[in-house]
Amino acid sequence: MARPIRGEAEFERCLAIRHEVFIEEQQIEEHLELDGLDAECTYFLAWADYEQEISGAIGTARLWFDSNGIAKAQRASASIFTPTPTSVLAPHRWVRYRARMSEPDPLADYPVVVEVPVAWGDLDAFQHVNNTRYFRWFEDVRIATFVRIGWMAVMEAGGPGPILARTSCTFRAPVTFPDTVRTGCRITELSEDRFTMLYRVVSDRLGSVVAEGDGRIISFDYSLGAKAPLPPEVRSGIESL
């Protein structure tokens, strides 16, 4: 798993991994590797398990925002020498973690993302997250999207609101405890009074997509009990995502 660093000690571990991989192993000159941008970046550490001991971190990367506000992942590296509680041999650990850290974010095209930790109570008798919970994750990101595009404010002012006409889910892998999932949402098929939301759920523990789904959203005038055109503010909010 990977997460943002917490404190100076974890930042030092990031630098140690970078030094091992780039300077010692790849023979990159130190003044090129240490470019002076570290203070402007958000750093991440990666572990092979959930213990999260600083000395056991096996990978790091940093996120830097350029002058246009575009985030760029940089300095992704993984140590092949750090002992980890796994039966995979060191060379294979190197290939596996280097590949995972260099893969594109499966939610890169989803402008709204909600992160939720998996709770023990989410599990069913088969010790994986019950299928109904996925629809709650869809709901979480759906509401976050409504807020982002300004629809909740329109509805509170007396305008039409959203109503869910249908939804579906394709389950791709079971989710267990402990884990954290990220659910992304993007909008497609925008028309006069409706659009489709596409959902994608990613497991941090598995590092992969565990579910995908969609939902048809209709603009609805609750005072009249009838469909209504999408409010201009909402359409503008969707187009700006």
C-alpha atoms as a PDB file:
ATOM      1  CA  MET A   1       0.000   0.000   0.000  1.00  0.00           C
ATOM      2  CA  ALA A   2       1.029   3.639  -0.392  1.00  0.00           C
ATOM      3  CA  ARG A   3       0.076   6.852   1.401  1.00  0.00           C
ATOM      4  CA  PRO A   4       1.317  10.421   1.896  1.00  0.00           C
ATOM      5  CA  ILE A   5       4.227  10.691   4.320  1.00  0.00           C
ATOM      6  CA  ARG A   6       3.795  11.765   7.924  1.00  0.00           C
ATOM      7  CA  GLY A   7       6.637  13.689   9.425  1.00  0.00           C
ATOM      8  CA  GLU A   8      10.329  14.292   8.919  1.00  0.00           C
ATOM      9  CA  ALA A   9      11.412  10.688   9.570  1.00  0.00           C
ATOM     10  CA  GLU A  10       9.300   9.396   6.689  1.00  0.00           C
ATOM     11  CA  PHE A  11      10.610  12.153   4.429  1.00  0.00           C
ATOM     12  CA  GLU A  12      14.148  11.044   5.263  1.00  0.00           C
ATOM     13  CA  ARG A  13      13.180   7.482   4.328  1.00  0.00           C
ATOM     14  CA  CYS A  14      11.984   8.792   0.936  1.00  0.00           C
ATOM     15  CA  LEU A  15      15.334  10.458   0.374  1.00  0.00           C
ATOM     16  CA  ALA A  16      17.173   7.299   1.416  1.00  0.00           C
ATOM     17  CA  ILE A  17      15.265   5.190  -1.109  1.00  0.00           C
ATOM     18  CA  ARG A  18      15.878   7.750  -3.851  1.00  0.00           C
ATOM     19  CA  HIS A  19      19.596   7.816  -3.006  1.00  0.00           C
ATOM     20  CA  GLU A  20      19.795   4.021  -3.148  1.00  0.00           C
ATOM     21  CA  VAL A  21      17.901   3.688  -6.437  1.00  0.00           C
ATOM     22  CA  PHE A  22      18.977   6.740  -8.430  1.00  0.00           C
ATOM     23  CA  ILE A  23      22.443   7.650  -7.115  1.00  0.00           C
ATOM     24  CA  GLU A  24      23.913   4.315  -5.982  1.00  0.00           C
ATOM     25  CA  GLU A  25      22.172   1.945  -8.381  1.00  0.00           C
ATOM     26  CA  GLN A  26      21.633   4.060 -11.504  1.00  0.00           C
ATOM     27  CA  GLN A  27      24.710   6.261 -11.010  1.00  0.00           C
ATOM     28  CA  ILE A  28      22.813   9.529 -11.466  1.00  0.00           C
ATOM     29  CA  GLU A  29      24.787  12.556 -10.292  1.00  0.00           C
ATOM     30  CA  GLU A  30      23.556  13.797  -6.913  1.00  0.00           C
ATOM     31  CA  HIS A  31      23.112  17.417  -8.019  1.00  0.00           C
ATOM     32  CA  LEU A  32      20.752  16.205 -10.784  1.00  0.00           C
ATOM     33  CA  GLU A  33      18.733  13.917  -8.539  1.00  0.00           C
ATOM     34  CA  LEU A  34      18.330  16.526  -5.780  1.00  0.00           C
ATOM     35  CA  ASP A  35      16.750  19.287  -7.862  1.00  0.00           C
ATOM     36  CA  GLY A  36      15.662  21.637  -5.067  1.00  0.00           C
ATOM     37  CA  LEU A  37      11.933  21.053  -5.588  1.00  0.00           C
ATOM     38  CA  ASP A  38      11.355  18.762  -2.604  1.00  0.00           C
ATOM     39  CA  ALA A  39       9.853  21.500  -0.431  1.00  0.00           C
ATOM     40  CA  GLU A  40       7.143  22.087  -3.074  1.00  0.00           C
ATOM     41  CA  CYS A  41       6.147  18.426  -3.391  1.00  0.00           C
ATOM     42  CA  THR A  42       3.847  15.963  -1.684  1.00  0.00           C
ATOM     43  CA  TYR A  43       5.685  12.733  -0.908  1.00  0.00           C
ATOM     44  CA  PHE A  44       4.384   9.183  -0.715  1.00  0.00           C
ATOM     45  CA  LEU A  45       5.803   5.989   0.775  1.00  0.00           C
ATOM     46  CA  ALA A  46       4.893   2.453  -0.277  1.00  0.00           C
ATOM     47  CA  TRP A  47       4.923  -0.727   1.804  1.00  0.00           C
ATOM     48  CA  ALA A  48       4.677  -4.396   0.931  1.00  0.00           C
ATOM     49  CA  ASP A  49       2.280  -4.937   3.845  1.00  0.00           C
ATOM     50  CA  TYR A  50       0.158  -3.001   6.332  1.00  0.00           C
ATOM     51  CA  GLU A  51       2.671  -2.664   9.178  1.00  0.00           C
ATOM     52  CA  GLN A  52       3.851   0.724   7.872  1.00  0.00           C
ATOM     53  CA  GLU A  53       7.129   0.692   9.811  1.00  0.00           C
ATOM     54  CA  ILE A  54       9.350   3.414   8.379  1.00  0.00           C
ATOM     55  CA  SER A  55      12.297   1.055   7.980  1.00  0.00           C
ATOM     56  CA  GLY A  56      10.103  -1.365   6.018  1.00  0.00           C
ATOM     57  CA  ALA A  57       9.028   1.097   3.327  1.00  0.00           C
ATOM     58  CA  ILE A  58      10.090  -0.191  -0.073  1.00  0.00           C
ATOM     59  CA  GLY A  59       9.078   2.600  -2.451  1.00  0.00           C
ATOM     60  CA  THR A  60       8.522   6.328  -2.800  1.00  0.00           C
ATOM     61  CA  ALA A  61       7.257   8.913  -5.262  1.00  0.00           C
ATOM     62  CA  ARG A  62       6.487  12.605  -5.173  1.00  0.00           C
ATOM     63  CA  LEU A  63       3.721  14.783  -6.601  1.00  0.00           C
ATOM     64  CA  TRP A  64       4.693  18.195  -7.951  1.00  0.00           C
ATOM     65  CA  PHE A  65       2.333  20.873  -9.324  1.00  0.00           C
ATOM     66  CA  ASP A  66       3.652  22.980 -12.193  1.00  0.00           C
ATOM     67  CA  SER A  67       2.841  26.663 -12.849  1.00  0.00           C
ATOM     68  CA  ASN A  68      -0.419  25.648 -14.567  1.00  0.00           C
ATOM     69  CA  GLY A  69      -1.577  23.641 -11.561  1.00  0.00           C
ATOM     70  CA  ILE A  70      -1.015  20.300 -13.318  1.00  0.00           C
ATOM     71  CA  ALA A  71       0.141  17.511 -11.002  1.00  0.00           C
ATOM     72  CA  LYS A  72       3.141  15.466 -12.104  1.00  0.00           C
ATOM     73  CA  ALA A  73       4.274  12.226 -10.454  1.00  0.00           C
ATOM     74  CA  GLN A  74       8.063  12.185 -10.160  1.00  0.00           C
ATOM     75  CA  ARG A  75      10.975  10.284  -8.622  1.00  0.00           C
ATOM     76  CA  ALA A  76       9.083   6.974  -8.421  1.00  0.00           C
ATOM     77  CA  SER A  77      11.496   4.385  -7.042  1.00  0.00           C
ATOM     78  CA  ALA A  78      11.469   1.097  -5.168  1.00  0.00           C
ATOM     79  CA  SER A  79      14.167  -0.531  -3.092  1.00  0.00           C
ATOM     80  CA  ILE A  80      15.203  -4.086  -3.927  1.00  0.00           C
ATOM     81  CA  PHE A  81      17.252  -4.524  -0.757  1.00  0.00           C
ATOM     82  CA  THR A  82      14.740  -3.705   1.968  1.00  0.00           C
ATOM     83  CA  PRO A  83      13.652  -6.956   3.646  1.00  0.00           C
ATOM     84  CA  THR A  84       9.882  -7.424   3.559  1.00  0.00           C
ATOM     85  CA  PRO A  85       7.634 -10.195   4.979  1.00  0.00           C
ATOM     86  CA  THR A  86       6.850 -11.774   1.644  1.00  0.00           C
ATOM     87  CA  SER A  87       7.824 -15.000  -0.096  1.00  0.00           C
ATOM     88  CA  VAL A  88       8.464 -13.205  -3.392  1.00  0.00           C
ATOM     89  CA  LEU A  89      12.207 -13.063  -4.155  1.00  0.00           C
ATOM     90  CA  ALA A  90      13.888  -9.658  -4.245  1.00  0.00           C
ATOM     91  CA  PRO A  91      14.291  -9.397  -8.050  1.00  0.00           C
ATOM     92  CA  HIS A  92      10.619 -10.189  -8.500  1.00  0.00           C
ATOM     93  CA  ARG A  93       9.648  -7.688  -5.819  1.00  0.00           C
ATOM     94  CA  TRP A  94      11.576  -5.075  -7.784  1.00  0.00           C
ATOM     95  CA  VAL A  95       9.711  -5.844 -10.997  1.00  0.00           C
ATOM     96  CA  ARG A  96       6.340  -5.985  -9.282  1.00  0.00           C
ATOM     97  CA  TYR A  97       6.600  -2.730  -7.324  1.00  0.00           C
ATOM     98  CA  ARG A  98       8.345  -0.786 -10.064  1.00  0.00           C
ATOM     99  CA  ALA A  99       5.578  -1.776 -12.488  1.00  0.00           C
ATOM    100  CA  ARG A 100       2.814  -0.870 -10.055  1.00  0.00           C
ATOM    101  CA  MET A 101       4.295   2.533  -9.225  1.00  0.00           C
ATOM    102  CA  SER A 102       4.739   3.407 -12.903  1.00  0.00           C
ATOM    103  CA  GLU A 103       1.242   2.382 -13.976  1.00  0.00           C
ATOM    104  CA  PRO A 104      -1.163   5.244 -14.733  1.00  0.00           C
ATOM    105  CA  ASP A 105      -3.748   6.064 -12.099  1.00  0.00           C
ATOM    106  CA  PRO A 106      -6.938   4.163 -13.039  1.00  0.00           C
ATOM    107  CA  LEU A 107      -8.905   7.196 -11.818  1.00  0.00           C
ATOM    108  CA  ALA A 108      -6.945   9.761 -13.840  1.00  0.00           C
ATOM    109  CA  ASP A 109      -9.980  10.425 -16.063  1.00  0.00           C
ATOM    110  CA  TYR A 110     -12.426  10.666 -13.148  1.00  0.00           C
ATOM    111  CA  PRO A 111     -12.596  14.301 -11.951  1.00  0.00           C
ATOM    112  CA  VAL A 112     -14.423  13.534  -8.687  1.00  0.00           C
ATOM    113  CA  VAL A 113     -12.918  10.948  -6.324  1.00  0.00           C
ATOM    114  CA  VAL A 114     -14.039   9.958  -2.825  1.00  0.00           C
ATOM    115  CA  GLU A 115     -11.775   7.883  -0.551  1.00  0.00           C
ATOM    116  CA  VAL A 116     -13.373   5.627   2.067  1.00  0.00           C
ATOM    117  CA  PRO A 117     -11.746   3.159   4.490  1.00  0.00           C
ATOM    118  CA  VAL A 118     -13.271  -0.298   4.520  1.00  0.00           C
ATOM    119  CA  ALA A 119     -14.943  -1.012   7.880  1.00  0.00           C
ATOM    120  CA  TRP A 120     -15.072  -4.419   9.532  1.00  0.00           C
ATOM    121  CA  GLY A 121     -18.856  -4.149   9.501  1.00  0.00           C
ATOM    122  CA  ASP A 122     -18.811  -3.940   5.691  1.00  0.00           C
ATOM    123  CA  LEU A 123     -17.873  -7.621   5.486  1.00  0.00           C
ATOM    124  CA  ASP A 124     -20.435 -10.372   5.073  1.00  0.00           C
ATOM    125  CA  ALA A 125     -20.364 -14.043   6.101  1.00  0.00           C
ATOM    126  CA  PHE A 126     -17.907 -14.783   3.290  1.00  0.00           C
ATOM    127  CA  GLN A 127     -15.365 -12.297   4.770  1.00  0.00           C
ATOM    128  CA  HIS A 128     -15.435  -9.869   1.881  1.00  0.00           C
ATOM    129  CA  VAL A 129     -17.320  -6.597   1.430  1.00  0.00           C
ATOM    130  CA  ASN A 130     -21.000  -7.235   0.779  1.00  0.00           C
ATOM    131  CA  ASN A 131     -22.136  -6.320  -2.730  1.00  0.00           C
ATOM    132  CA  THR A 132     -24.637  -3.752  -1.437  1.00  0.00           C
ATOM    133  CA  ARG A 133     -21.783  -1.657  -0.033  1.00  0.00           C
ATOM    134  CA  TYR A 134     -20.500  -0.909  -3.532  1.00  0.00           C
ATOM    135  CA  PHE A 135     -23.717   0.954  -4.286  1.00  0.00           C
ATOM    136  CA  ARG A 136     -23.144   3.083  -1.188  1.00  0.00           C
ATOM    137  CA  TRP A 137     -19.696   3.957  -2.539  1.00  0.00           C
ATOM    138  CA  PHE A 138     -21.391   4.950  -5.788  1.00  0.00           C
ATOM    139  CA  GLU A 139     -23.802   7.097  -3.789  1.00  0.00           C
ATOM    140  CA  ASP A 140     -20.944   8.785  -1.900  1.00  0.00           C
ATOM    141  CA  VAL A 141     -19.233   9.915  -5.085  1.00  0.00           C
ATOM    142  CA  ARG A 142     -22.563  10.735  -6.775  1.00  0.00           C
ATOM    143  CA  ILE A 143     -23.468  13.208  -4.013  1.00  0.00           C
ATOM    144  CA  ALA A 144     -19.940  14.637  -4.052  1.00  0.00           C
ATOM    145  CA  THR A 145     -20.350  15.201  -7.794  1.00  0.00           C
ATOM    146  CA  PHE A 146     -23.716  16.933  -7.319  1.00  0.00           C
ATOM    147  CA  VAL A 147     -22.043  19.291  -4.842  1.00  0.00           C
ATOM    148  CA  ARG A 148     -19.103  19.861  -7.207  1.00  0.00           C
ATOM    149  CA  ILE A 149     -21.322  20.826 -10.172  1.00  0.00           C
ATOM    150  CA  GLY A 150     -23.511  23.062  -8.008  1.00  0.00           C
ATOM    151  CA  TRP A 151     -26.719  21.049  -8.186  1.00  0.00           C
ATOM    152  CA  MET A 152     -27.323  20.888  -4.455  1.00  0.00           C
ATOM    153  CA  ALA A 153     -27.254  24.690  -4.268  1.00  0.00           C
ATOM    154  CA  VAL A 154     -29.714  24.935  -7.195  1.00  0.00           C
ATOM    155  CA  MET A 155     -32.068  22.503  -5.505  1.00  0.00           C
ATOM    156  CA  GLU A 156     -31.884  24.350  -2.170  1.00  0.00           C
ATOM    157  CA  ALA A 157     -32.882  27.531  -4.014  1.00  0.00           C
ATOM    158  CA  GLY A 158     -36.058  25.867  -5.281  1.00  0.00           C
ATOM    159  CA  GLY A 159     -34.831  24.612  -8.641  1.00  0.00           C
ATOM    160  CA  PRO A 160     -35.096  21.080 -10.038  1.00  0.00           C
ATOM    161  CA  GLY A 161     -33.005  18.356  -8.477  1.00  0.00           C
ATOM    162  CA  PRO A 162     -31.477  15.052  -9.519  1.00  0.00           C
ATOM    163  CA  ILE A 163     -33.207  11.697  -9.394  1.00  0.00           C
ATOM    164  CA  LEU A 164     -31.583   8.326 -10.001  1.00  0.00           C
ATOM    165  CA  ALA A 165     -33.420   6.446 -12.767  1.00  0.00           C
ATOM    166  CA  ARG A 166     -31.268   3.329 -12.820  1.00  0.00           C
ATOM    167  CA  THR A 167     -27.890   2.052 -11.662  1.00  0.00           C
ATOM    168  CA  SER A 168     -25.729  -1.013 -12.202  1.00  0.00           C
ATOM    169  CA  CYS A 169     -22.465  -2.514 -11.002  1.00  0.00           C
ATOM    170  CA  THR A 170     -19.951  -4.967 -12.424  1.00  0.00           C
ATOM    171  CA  PHE A 171     -17.922  -6.630  -9.658  1.00  0.00           C
ATOM    172  CA  ARG A 172     -14.340  -7.359 -10.713  1.00  0.00           C
ATOM    173  CA  ALA A 173     -12.617  -8.454  -7.494  1.00  0.00           C
ATOM    174  CA  PRO A 174     -13.562  -9.014  -3.832  1.00  0.00           C
ATOM    175  CA  VAL A 175     -12.586  -6.371  -1.297  1.00  0.00           C
ATOM    176  CA  THR A 176     -11.506  -7.428   2.195  1.00  0.00           C
ATOM    177  CA  PHE A 177     -10.477  -5.808   5.473  1.00  0.00           C
ATOM    178  CA  PRO A 178      -8.295  -3.831   6.021  1.00  0.00           C
ATOM    179  CA  ASP A 179      -8.345  -1.709   2.893  1.00  0.00           C
ATOM    180  CA  THR A 180      -9.164   1.733   1.572  1.00  0.00           C
ATOM    181  CA  VAL A 181     -11.127   2.233  -1.617  1.00  0.00           C
ATOM    182  CA  ARG A 182     -11.277   5.229  -3.934  1.00  0.00           C
ATOM    183  CA  THR A 183     -14.397   5.717  -6.022  1.00  0.00           C
ATOM    184  CA  GLY A 184     -14.261   7.967  -9.046  1.00  0.00           C
ATOM    185  CA  CYS A 185     -17.069   9.521 -11.079  1.00  0.00           C
ATOM    186  CA  ARG A 186     -17.196  11.065 -14.527  1.00  0.00           C
ATOM    187  CA  ILE A 187     -20.148  12.227 -16.613  1.00  0.00           C
ATOM    188  CA  THR A 188     -21.058  11.219 -20.141  1.00  0.00           C
ATOM    189  CA  GLU A 189     -24.102  11.224 -22.467  1.00  0.00           C
ATOM    190  CA  LEU A 190     -25.150  14.727 -21.481  1.00  0.00           C
ATOM    191  CA  SER A 191     -28.538  15.676 -22.996  1.00  0.00           C
ATOM    192  CA  GLU A 192     -31.388  18.098 -22.345  1.00  0.00           C
ATOM    193  CA  ASP A 193     -32.699  16.608 -19.129  1.00  0.00           C
ATOM    194  CA  ARG A 194     -30.345  13.759 -18.233  1.00  0.00           C
ATOM    195  CA  PHE A 195     -26.827  12.368 -18.218  1.00  0.00           C
ATOM    196  CA  THR A 196     -24.971   9.197 -17.276  1.00  0.00           C
ATOM    197  CA  MET A 197     -22.494   8.862 -14.437  1.00  0.00           C
ATOM    198  CA  LEU A 198     -19.695   6.318 -14.802  1.00  0.00           C
ATOM    199  CA  TYR A 199     -18.219   4.943 -11.581  1.00  0.00           C
ATOM    200  CA  ARG A 200     -14.950   3.137 -10.890  1.00  0.00           C
ATOM    201  CA  VAL A 201     -13.795   1.694  -7.549  1.00  0.00           C
ATOM    202  CA  VAL A 202     -10.092   1.108  -6.880  1.00  0.00           C
ATOM    203  CA  SER A 203      -8.673  -0.886  -3.958  1.00  0.00           C
ATOM    204  CA  ASP A 204      -5.501   0.515  -2.421  1.00  0.00           C
ATOM    205  CA  ARG A 205      -4.601  -2.922  -1.085  1.00  0.00           C
ATOM    206  CA  LEU A 206      -4.938  -4.651  -4.448  1.00  0.00           C
ATOM    207  CA  GLY A 207      -3.775  -1.690  -6.485  1.00  0.00           C
ATOM    208  CA  SER A 208      -6.437  -2.383  -9.094  1.00  0.00           C
ATOM    209  CA  VAL A 209     -10.025  -1.748 -10.155  1.00  0.00           C
ATOM    210  CA  VAL A 210     -12.472  -3.845  -8.118  1.00  0.00           C
ATOM    211  CA  ALA A 211     -15.777  -2.589  -9.531  1.00  0.00           C
ATOM    212  CA  GLU A 212     -17.261  -0.403 -12.242  1.00  0.00           C
ATOM    213  CA  GLY A 213     -20.786   0.857 -12.693  1.00  0.00           C
ATOM    214  CA  ASP A 214     -23.045   3.542 -14.038  1.00  0.00           C
ATOM    215  CA  GLY A 215     -26.133   5.516 -13.144  1.00  0.00           C
ATOM    216  CA  ARG A 216     -28.678   7.419 -15.231  1.00  0.00           C
ATOM    217  CA  ILE A 217     -29.499  10.783 -13.657  1.00  0.00           C
ATOM    218  CA  ILE A 218     -32.662  12.703 -14.576  1.00  0.00           C
ATOM    219  CA  SER A 219     -33.391  16.344 -13.838  1.00  0.00           C
ATOM    220  CA  PHE A 220     -36.652  16.357 -11.866  1.00  0.00           C
ATOM    221  CA  ASP A 221     -38.973  19.115 -10.661  1.00  0.00           C
ATOM    222  CA  TYR A 222     -40.114  17.745  -7.303  1.00  0.00           C
ATOM    223  CA  SER A 223     -42.795  20.423  -6.893  1.00  0.00           C
ATOM    224  CA  LEU A 224     -44.502  19.359 -10.148  1.00  0.00           C
ATOM    225  CA  GLY A 225     -43.556  15.684 -10.011  1.00  0.00           C
ATOM    226  CA  ALA A 226     -42.200  15.816 -13.577  1.00  0.00           C
ATOM    227  CA  LYS A 227     -38.969  15.861 -15.554  1.00  0.00           C
ATOM    228  CA  ALA A 228     -37.351  19.248 -16.181  1.00  0.00           C
ATOM    229  CA  PRO A 229     -34.492  20.587 -18.306  1.00  0.00           C
ATOM    230  CA  LEU A 230     -31.086  20.591 -16.671  1.00  0.00           C
ATOM    231  CA  PRO A 231     -30.529  23.954 -14.945  1.00  0.00           C
ATOM    232  CA  PRO A 232     -27.980  26.105 -16.815  1.00  0.00           C
ATOM    233  CA  GLU A 233     -25.777  26.286 -13.705  1.00  0.00           C
ATOM    234  CA  VAL A 234     -25.651  22.499 -13.511  1.00  0.00           C
ATOM    235  CA  ARG A 235     -24.860  22.104 -17.197  1.00  0.00           C
ATOM    236  CA  SER A 236     -22.076  24.658 -16.839  1.00  0.00           C
ATOM    237  CA  GLY A 237     -20.737  22.810 -13.801  1.00  0.00           C
ATOM    238  CA  ILE A 238     -20.687  19.514 -15.700  1.00  0.00           C
ATOM    239  CA  GLU A 239     -18.886  21.043 -18.658  1.00  0.00           C
ATOM    240  CA  SER A 240     -16.232  22.513 -16.366  1.00  0.00           C
ATOM    241  CA  LEU A 241     -15.331  19.161 -14.770  1.00  0.00           C
END
